[in-house]
Amino acid sequence: MVLDTSVCVDLLRETRKGEEGPARSAIRRLGDTPLFLSYFTLCELHTGVELSSAPDRERKAVQALVSRLTVLHPDESLPVMYGEAAAELLRTGVPIPVMDLLIGITAKSRGLPILTRDRDHFARIPGLTVESY
């Protein structure tokens, strides 16, 4: 299962507050399912770190989260799959943000489902299995 940025942000917030929220519950329900993170999600998380009022604290929290996940780096199939999906979304008049498309295509290129709070964007990517909470 690939975790979208929205899930990671929720996990970080819930962990900081010591709460059992929807993201932690969703991860718990997955049991032993291997968890992955797109390289592009990592980029978005570090953007949040830099915009934070406490970047050192947030950087450590992101590093702790990422240490428990396998980061998926782009491979040679990504540009072609991205181009096909982006063109189709533009033709149908329902494009999604570039980073969401990159994250979704990373999951799709590996044959993995994605877990997100933002079902609307990811559900537009043809052939991507989307789970949400």
Foldseek 3Di string as FASTA:
>chain_A
DEEALQLLVVVLVCVVVVHCDPSNVVVVVVPPPAYEYEPLSVVVQLVVLVVDPHNVVSVVSSVVVCVRHHYQYDDPCQVVLLVVQQVVCVVVVHADDPSLSSRQSSQVVVVHAYEHQCCPRSVSRPPHHYHYD
